[in-house]
Amino acid sequence: MQTEFVGLDHPLLKLESVILTAHSAYYSEQSLFKYRRRPFEEIARVVRGEWPQWLINPEVKERFLSRWGRRQNAT
């Protein structure tokens, strides 16, 4: 497993063109709306017979296809 920690001696910290931020750097009113809405959009895709846009585990798709074949709207 890869760690997210960047040691104080990491070469990136010596570059003037690099800005490091915490994971909370994404936060905005727009992102909150988007992240609340995204699960419902993904459910709608599956109900329409499409693959989720944000498929986290692509091995699931490959196992599904090898077992059940291609679906009509599978992308």
Protein backbone atom coordinates (compact mmCIF):
# COMPACT_ATOMS: atom_id res chain seq x y z
CA MET A 1 0.00 0.00 0.00
CA GLN A 2 1.28 3.43 -0.91
CA THR A 3 1.46 6.04 1.82
CA GLU A 4 0.24 9.59 1.30
CA PHE A 5 2.82 11.07 3.64
CA VAL A 6 5.40 13.32 2.02
CA GLY A 7 8.57 13.52 4.10
CA LEU A 8 10.15 16.89 4.79
CA ASP A 9 13.08 15.91 2.56
CA HIS A 10 10.89 15.07 -0.46
CA PRO A 11 12.11 16.73 -3.71
CA LEU A 12 8.65 18.16 -4.45
CA LEU A 13 8.91 20.40 -1.41
CA LYS A 14 11.96 22.11 -2.91
CA LEU A 15 10.11 23.24 -6.05
CA GLU A 16 8.67 26.75 -6.12
CA SER A 17 6.01 25.69 -8.64
CA VAL A 18 4.43 23.08 -6.32
CA ILE A 19 1.64 23.77 -3.86
CA LEU A 20 0.60 20.97 -1.52
CA THR A 21 -2.77 21.05 0.20
CA ALA A 22 -4.82 18.83 2.47
CA HIS A 23 -7.60 16.65 1.05
CA SER A 24 -10.06 19.34 2.11
CA ALA A 25 -8.76 21.60 -0.67
CA TYR A 26 -11.67 20.49 -2.90
CA TYR A 27 -14.23 22.05 -0.58
CA SER A 28 -16.65 24.57 -2.05
CA GLU A 29 -20.41 25.05 -2.21
CA GLN A 30 -20.38 23.74 -5.79
CA SER A 31 -18.46 20.60 -4.84
CA LEU A 32 -20.84 19.83 -1.97
CA PHE A 33 -23.79 19.96 -4.36
CA LYS A 34 -21.95 17.80 -6.89
CA TYR A 35 -20.92 15.15 -4.35
CA ARG A 36 -24.42 14.94 -2.90
CA ARG A 37 -25.95 14.53 -6.36
CA ARG A 38 -23.40 12.10 -7.86
CA PRO A 39 -24.69 8.88 -6.18
CA PHE A 40 -28.18 9.48 -7.59
CA GLU A 41 -26.79 10.11 -11.07
CA GLU A 42 -24.82 6.87 -10.87
CA ILE A 43 -27.91 4.92 -9.76
CA ALA A 44 -29.85 6.40 -12.69
CA ARG A 45 -27.13 5.24 -15.10
CA VAL A 46 -27.33 1.68 -13.77
CA VAL A 47 -31.15 1.69 -13.98
CA ARG A 48 -30.84 2.80 -17.63
CA GLY A 49 -28.53 -0.16 -18.26
CA GLU A 50 -25.34 1.92 -18.41
CA TRP A 51 -22.10 1.46 -16.49
CA PRO A 52 -21.45 3.93 -13.67
CA GLN A 53 -19.25 6.80 -14.77
CA TRP A 54 -17.28 6.59 -11.52
CA LEU A 55 -16.74 2.83 -11.48
CA ILE A 56 -14.19 2.34 -8.70
CA ASN A 57 -13.42 -1.35 -9.19
CA PRO A 58 -13.00 -2.08 -12.93
CA GLU A 59 -12.42 -5.77 -12.17
CA VAL A 60 -16.12 -6.00 -11.33
CA LYS A 61 -17.00 -4.92 -14.86
CA GLU A 62 -14.63 -7.47 -16.38
CA ARG A 63 -16.03 -10.28 -14.20
CA PHE A 64 -19.57 -9.26 -15.08
CA LEU A 65 -18.80 -9.24 -18.81
CA SER A 66 -17.02 -12.59 -18.68
CA ARG A 67 -19.95 -14.16 -16.86
CA TRP A 68 -22.95 -12.47 -18.47
CA GLY A 69 -21.62 -11.01 -21.72
CA ARG A 70 -22.19 -7.53 -23.06
CA ARG A 71 -25.33 -5.71 -22.12
CA GLN A 72 -27.17 -3.75 -24.77
CA ASN A 73 -26.16 -0.29 -23.43
CA ALA A 74 -22.86 -1.23 -21.76
CA THR A 75 -20.16 1.32 -22.44
